[in-house]
PDB file of N, CA and C in Angstrom:
ATOM      1  N   MET A   1       0.834  -1.174   0.000  1.00  0.00           N
ATOM      2  CA  MET A   1       0.000   0.000   0.000  1.00  0.00           C
ATOM      3  C   MET A   1       0.886   1.247   0.000  1.00  0.00           C
ATOM      4  N   ASN A   2       0.482   2.212  -0.763  1.00  0.00           N
ATOM      5  CA  ASN A   2       1.218   3.462  -0.823  1.00  0.00           C
ATOM      6  C   ASN A   2       0.803   4.372   0.324  1.00  0.00           C
ATOM      7  N   ALA A   3       1.781   5.058   0.888  1.00  0.00           N
ATOM      8  CA  ALA A   3       1.498   5.991   1.978  1.00  0.00           C
ATOM      9  C   ALA A   3       0.697   7.166   1.440  1.00  0.00           C
ATOM     10  N   ASN A   4      -0.298   7.599   2.202  1.00  0.00           N
ATOM     11  CA  ASN A   4      -1.081   8.758   1.800  1.00  0.00           C
ATOM     12  C   ASN A   4      -1.226   9.768   2.944  1.00  0.00           C
ATOM     13  N   ILE A   5      -0.366   9.652   3.970  1.00  0.00           N
ATOM     14  CA  ILE A   5      -0.376  10.575   5.096  1.00  0.00           C
ATOM     15  C   ILE A   5       0.990  11.235   5.173  1.00  0.00           C
ATOM     16  N   GLY A   6       0.991  12.563   5.145  1.00  0.00           N
ATOM     17  CA  GLY A   6       2.229  13.334   5.214  1.00  0.00           C
ATOM     18  C   GLY A   6       2.769  13.441   6.637  1.00  0.00           C
ATOM     19  N   THR A   7       3.901  14.116   6.776  1.00  0.00           N
ATOM     20  CA  THR A   7       4.593  14.205   8.058  1.00  0.00           C
ATOM     21  C   THR A   7       3.774  14.949   9.112  1.00  0.00           C
ATOM     22  N   PHE A   8       3.240  16.111   8.779  1.00  0.00           N
ATOM     23  CA  PHE A   8       2.459  16.869   9.757  1.00  0.00           C
ATOM     24  C   PHE A   8       1.224  16.086  10.180  1.00  0.00           C
ATOM     25  N   ASP A   9       0.530  15.524   9.217  1.00  0.00           N
ATOM     26  CA  ASP A   9      -0.677  14.741   9.484  1.00  0.00           C
ATOM     27  C   ASP A   9      -0.334  13.541  10.366  1.00  0.00           C
ATOM     28  N   ARG A  10       0.773  12.912  10.077  1.00  0.00           N
ATOM     29  CA  ARG A  10       1.205  11.746  10.844  1.00  0.00           C
ATOM     30  C   ARG A  10       1.485  12.123  12.295  1.00  0.00           C
ATOM     31  N   ASN A  11       2.236  13.191  12.500  1.00  0.00           N
ATOM     32  CA  ASN A  11       2.559  13.631  13.857  1.00  0.00           C
ATOM     33  C   ASN A  11       1.300  14.026  14.629  1.00  0.00           C
ATOM     34  N   ALA A  12       0.381  14.702  13.962  1.00  0.00           N
ATOM     35  CA  ALA A  12      -0.858  15.122  14.606  1.00  0.00           C
ATOM     36  C   ALA A  12      -1.698  13.917  15.010  1.00  0.00           C
ATOM     37  N   ARG A  13      -1.794  12.934  14.142  1.00  0.00           N
ATOM     38  CA  ARG A  13      -2.595  11.740  14.441  1.00  0.00           C
ATOM     39  C   ARG A  13      -2.027  10.976  15.633  1.00  0.00           C
ATOM     40  N   VAL A  14      -0.717  10.794  15.669  1.00  0.00           N
ATOM     41  CA  VAL A  14      -0.103  10.044  16.763  1.00  0.00           C
ATOM     42  C   VAL A  14      -0.254  10.815  18.073  1.00  0.00           C
ATOM     43  N   THR A  15      -0.013  12.115  18.059  1.00  0.00           N
ATOM     44  CA  THR A  15      -0.114  12.923  19.272  1.00  0.00           C
ATOM     45  C   THR A  15      -1.540  12.958  19.804  1.00  0.00           C
ATOM     46  N   ILE A  16      -2.495  13.238  18.948  1.00  0.00           N
ATOM     47  CA  ILE A  16      -3.896  13.304  19.378  1.00  0.00           C
ATOM     48  C   ILE A  16      -4.395  11.931  19.818  1.00  0.00           C
ATOM     49  N   GLY A  17      -4.000  10.892  19.092  1.00  0.00           N
ATOM     50  CA  GLY A  17      -4.405   9.538  19.463  1.00  0.00           C
ATOM     51  C   GLY A  17      -3.888   9.141  20.834  1.00  0.00           C
ATOM     52  N   LEU A  18      -2.622   9.428  21.114  1.00  0.00           N
ATOM     53  CA  LEU A  18      -2.061   9.107  22.422  1.00  0.00           C
ATOM     54  C   LEU A  18      -2.714   9.934  23.523  1.00  0.00           C
ATOM     55  N   ALA A  19      -3.039  11.192  23.224  1.00  0.00           N
ATOM     56  CA  ALA A  19      -3.715  12.042  24.211  1.00  0.00           C
ATOM     57  C   ALA A  19      -5.106  11.490  24.529  1.00  0.00           C
ATOM     58  N   LEU A  20      -5.832  11.031  23.518  1.00  0.00           N
ATOM     59  CA  LEU A  20      -7.155  10.444  23.752  1.00  0.00           C
ATOM     60  C   LEU A  20      -7.065   9.173  24.596  1.00  0.00           C
ATOM     61  N   ILE A  21      -6.097   8.341  24.289  1.00  0.00           N
ATOM     62  CA  ILE A  21      -5.925   7.099  25.044  1.00  0.00           C
ATOM     63  C   ILE A  21      -5.565   7.406  26.495  1.00  0.00           C
ATOM     64  N   ALA A  22      -4.657   8.359  26.696  1.00  0.00           N
ATOM     65  CA  ALA A  22      -4.258   8.735  28.057  1.00  0.00           C
ATOM     66  C   ALA A  22      -5.439   9.322  28.831  1.00  0.00           C
ATOM     67  N   ALA A  23      -6.224  10.173  28.178  1.00  0.00           N
ATOM     68  CA  ALA A  23      -7.383  10.770  28.838  1.00  0.00           C
ATOM     69  C   ALA A  23      -8.391   9.710  29.251  1.00  0.00           C
ATOM     70  N   THR A  24      -8.528   8.669  28.443  1.00  0.00           N
ATOM     71  CA  THR A  24      -9.430   7.578  28.780  1.00  0.00           C
ATOM     72  C   THR A  24      -8.885   6.770  29.951  1.00  0.00           C
ATOM     73  N   LEU A  25      -7.608   6.470  29.927  1.00  0.00           N
ATOM     74  CA  LEU A  25      -7.007   5.682  31.002  1.00  0.00           C
ATOM     75  C   LEU A  25      -7.062   6.404  32.342  1.00  0.00           C
ATOM     76  N   PHE A  26      -6.941   7.739  32.329  1.00  0.00           N
ATOM     77  CA  PHE A  26      -6.978   8.511  33.574  1.00  0.00           C
ATOM     78  C   PHE A  26      -8.390   8.937  33.960  1.00  0.00           C
ATOM     79  N   GLY A  27      -9.378   8.532  33.196  1.00  0.00           N
ATOM     80  CA  GLY A  27     -10.766   8.766  33.558  1.00  0.00           C
ATOM     81  C   GLY A  27     -11.329  10.134  33.219  1.00  0.00           C
ATOM     82  N   PHE A  28     -10.646  10.899  32.378  1.00  0.00           N
ATOM     83  CA  PHE A  28     -11.143  12.219  32.002  1.00  0.00           C
ATOM     84  C   PHE A  28     -12.275  12.144  30.983  1.00  0.00           C
ATOM     85  N   ILE A  29     -12.243  11.130  30.145  1.00  0.00           N
ATOM     86  CA  ILE A  29     -13.291  10.938  29.144  1.00  0.00           C
ATOM     87  C   ILE A  29     -13.737   9.487  29.186  1.00  0.00           C
ATOM     88  N   GLY A  30     -14.817   9.186  28.487  1.00  0.00           N
ATOM     89  CA  GLY A  30     -15.365   7.830  28.476  1.00  0.00           C
ATOM     90  C   GLY A  30     -14.579   6.884  27.589  1.00  0.00           C
ATOM     91  N   LEU A  31     -15.165   5.724  27.404  1.00  0.00           N
ATOM     92  CA  LEU A  31     -14.508   4.683  26.612  1.00  0.00           C
ATOM     93  C   LEU A  31     -14.334   5.053  25.150  1.00  0.00           C
ATOM     94  N   TRP A  32     -15.066   6.047  24.664  1.00  0.00           N
ATOM     95  CA  TRP A  32     -14.927   6.448  23.263  1.00  0.00           C
ATOM     96  C   TRP A  32     -13.504   6.941  22.979  1.00  0.00           C
ATOM     97  N   GLY A  33     -12.742   7.285  24.000  1.00  0.00           N
ATOM     98  CA  GLY A  33     -11.371   7.761  23.807  1.00  0.00           C
ATOM     99  C   GLY A  33     -10.445   6.713  23.214  1.00  0.00           C
ATOM    100  N   TYR A  34     -10.862   5.462  23.308  1.00  0.00           N
ATOM    101  CA  TYR A  34     -10.041   4.407  22.716  1.00  0.00           C
ATOM    102  C   TYR A  34     -10.043   4.458  21.194  1.00  0.00           C
ATOM    103  N   VAL A  35     -10.860   5.325  20.614  1.00  0.00           N
ATOM    104  CA  VAL A  35     -10.804   5.536  19.165  1.00  0.00           C
ATOM    105  C   VAL A  35      -9.431   6.116  18.789  1.00  0.00           C
ATOM    106  N   GLY A  36      -8.713   6.602  19.779  1.00  0.00           N
ATOM    107  CA  GLY A  36      -7.351   7.095  19.563  1.00  0.00           C
ATOM    108  C   GLY A  36      -6.430   6.024  19.002  1.00  0.00           C
ATOM    109  N   PHE A  37      -6.753   4.755  19.248  1.00  0.00           N
ATOM    110  CA  PHE A  37      -5.945   3.676  18.669  1.00  0.00           C
ATOM    111  C   PHE A  37      -5.982   3.729  17.141  1.00  0.00           C
ATOM    112  N   LEU A  38      -7.130   4.081  16.580  1.00  0.00           N
ATOM    113  CA  LEU A  38      -7.219   4.207  15.118  1.00  0.00           C
ATOM    114  C   LEU A  38      -6.291   5.306  14.611  1.00  0.00           C
ATOM    115  N   ALA A  39      -6.284   6.427  15.316  1.00  0.00           N
ATOM    116  CA  ALA A  39      -5.422   7.532  14.913  1.00  0.00           C
ATOM    117  C   ALA A  39      -3.953   7.139  15.001  1.00  0.00           C
ATOM    118  N   VAL A  40      -3.582   6.442  16.064  1.00  0.00           N
ATOM    119  CA  VAL A  40      -2.184   6.023  16.229  1.00  0.00           C
ATOM    120  C   VAL A  40      -1.788   5.023  15.143  1.00  0.00           C
ATOM    121  N   VAL A  41      -2.643   4.058  14.873  1.00  0.00           N
ATOM    122  CA  VAL A  41      -2.326   3.038  13.862  1.00  0.00           C
ATOM    123  C   VAL A  41      -2.195   3.661  12.476  1.00  0.00           C
ATOM    124  N   THR A  42      -3.126   4.540  12.106  1.00  0.00           N
ATOM    125  CA  THR A  42      -3.029   5.166  10.784  1.00  0.00           C
ATOM    126  C   THR A  42      -1.826   6.091  10.714  1.00  0.00           C
ATOM    127  N   GLY A  43      -1.476   6.725  11.830  1.00  0.00           N
ATOM    128  CA  GLY A  43      -0.291   7.583  11.842  1.00  0.00           C
ATOM    129  C   GLY A  43       0.999   6.797  11.687  1.00  0.00           C
ATOM    130  N   LEU A  44       1.078   5.664  12.363  1.00  0.00           N
ATOM    131  CA  LEU A  44       2.299   4.856  12.297  1.00  0.00           C
ATOM    132  C   LEU A  44       2.450   4.128  10.962  1.00  0.00           C
ATOM    133  N   THR A  45       1.341   3.698  10.378  1.00  0.00           N
ATOM    134  CA  THR A  45       1.422   2.996   9.098  1.00  0.00           C
ATOM    135  C   THR A  45       1.419   3.947   7.907  1.00  0.00           C
ATOM    136  N   ARG A  46       1.042   5.216   8.137  1.00  0.00           N
ATOM    137  CA  ARG A  46       0.981   6.259   7.113  1.00  0.00           C
ATOM    138  C   ARG A  46      -0.024   5.926   6.015  1.00  0.00           C
ATOM    139  N   VAL A  47      -1.036   5.124   6.341  1.00  0.00           N
ATOM    140  CA  VAL A  47      -2.079   4.772   5.389  1.00  0.00           C
ATOM    141  C   VAL A  47      -3.435   5.020   6.046  1.00  0.00           C
ATOM    142  N   CYS A  48      -4.261   5.833   5.400  1.00  0.00           N
ATOM    143  CA  CYS A  48      -5.600   6.120   5.896  1.00  0.00           C
ATOM    144  C   CYS A  48      -6.610   5.620   4.858  1.00  0.00           C
ATOM    145  N   PRO A  49      -7.435   4.633   5.226  1.00  0.00           N
ATOM    146  CA  PRO A  49      -8.421   4.114   4.279  1.00  0.00           C
ATOM    147  C   PRO A  49      -9.416   5.177   3.803  1.00  0.00           C
ATOM    148  N   ALA A  50      -9.789   6.105   4.665  1.00  0.00           N
ATOM    149  CA  ALA A  50     -10.722   7.163   4.260  1.00  0.00           C
ATOM    150  C   ALA A  50     -10.086   8.068   3.209  1.00  0.00           C
ATOM    151  N   TYR A  51      -8.818   8.398   3.380  1.00  0.00           N
ATOM    152  CA  TYR A  51      -8.114   9.206   2.372  1.00  0.00           C
ATOM    153  C   TYR A  51      -8.100   8.468   1.036  1.00  0.00           C
ATOM    154  N   ARG A  52      -7.834   7.170   1.086  1.00  0.00           N
ATOM    155  CA  ARG A  52      -7.771   6.374  -0.147  1.00  0.00           C
ATOM    156  C   ARG A  52      -9.140   6.336  -0.828  1.00  0.00           C
ATOM    157  N   PHE A  53     -10.204   6.194  -0.051  1.00  0.00           N
ATOM    158  CA  PHE A  53     -11.558   6.144  -0.601  1.00  0.00           C
ATOM    159  C   PHE A  53     -11.914   7.447  -1.314  1.00  0.00           C
ATOM    160  N   PHE A  54     -11.542   8.582  -0.723  1.00  0.00           N
ATOM    161  CA  PHE A  54     -11.863   9.875  -1.319  1.00  0.00           C
ATOM    162  C   PHE A  54     -10.795  10.379  -2.288  1.00  0.00           C
ATOM    163  N   GLY A  55      -9.728   9.627  -2.467  1.00  0.00           N
ATOM    164  CA  GLY A  55      -8.689  10.005  -3.413  1.00  0.00           C
ATOM    165  C   GLY A  55      -7.815  11.153  -2.940  1.00  0.00           C
ATOM    166  N   TYR A  56      -7.687  11.317  -1.631  1.00  0.00           N
ATOM    167  CA  TYR A  56      -6.901  12.411  -1.049  1.00  0.00           C
ATOM    168  C   TYR A  56      -5.581  11.883  -0.535  1.00  0.00           C
ATOM    169  N   SER A  57      -4.550  12.730  -0.545  1.00  0.00           N
ATOM    170  CA  SER A  57      -3.265  12.385   0.011  1.00  0.00           C
ATOM    171  C   SER A  57      -2.626  13.649   0.576  1.00  0.00           C
ATOM    172  N   SER A  58      -2.059  13.544   1.776  1.00  0.00           N
ATOM    173  CA  SER A  58      -1.362  14.694   2.345  1.00  0.00           C
ATOM    174  C   SER A  58       0.150  14.528   2.210  1.00  0.00           C
ATOM    175  N   CYS A  59       0.576  13.496   1.491  1.00  0.00           N
ATOM    176  CA  CYS A  59       2.001  13.310   1.207  1.00  0.00           C
ATOM    177  C   CYS A  59       2.443  14.261   0.102  1.00  0.00           C
ATOM    178  N   PRO A  60       3.660  14.785   0.235  1.00  0.00           N
ATOM    179  CA  PRO A  60       4.165  15.613  -0.862  1.00  0.00           C
ATOM    180  C   PRO A  60       4.431  14.745  -2.092  1.00  0.00           C
ATOM    181  N   VAL A  61       4.240  15.309  -3.233  1.00  0.00           N
ATOM    182  CA  VAL A  61       4.463  14.593  -4.486  1.00  0.00           C
ATOM    183  C   VAL A  61       5.943  14.553  -4.779  1.00  0.00           C
ATOM    184  N   ALA A  62       6.449  13.358  -5.049  1.00  0.00           N
ATOM    185  CA  ALA A  62       7.866  13.206  -5.388  1.00  0.00           C
ATOM    186  C   ALA A  62       8.107  13.683  -6.803  1.00  0.00           C
ATOM    187  N   ASN A  63       9.155  14.465  -7.000  1.00  0.00           N
ATOM    188  CA  ASN A  63       9.519  14.926  -8.334  1.00  0.00           C
ATOM    189  C   ASN A  63      10.357  13.879  -9.036  1.00  0.00           C
ATOM    190  N   PRO A  64       9.976  13.476 -10.252  1.00  0.00           N
ATOM    191  CA  PRO A  64      10.753  12.438 -10.953  1.00  0.00           C
ATOM    192  C   PRO A  64      12.075  12.971 -11.470  1.00  0.00           C
TER     193      PRO A  64
END
């Protein structure tokens, strides 16, 4: 699979995902915070199925 998540998007997904998971573990938010795992996984793999479905990519285009 080709990566479709750029560097900024990747960093944001991992940071927000970890913050959601931490907030859930410390009891600040409900169990819905575990959705942060999706953000972390897509950030680490650099592949977002929703981006692929809509034909979007936040990766910079490589110049040949």
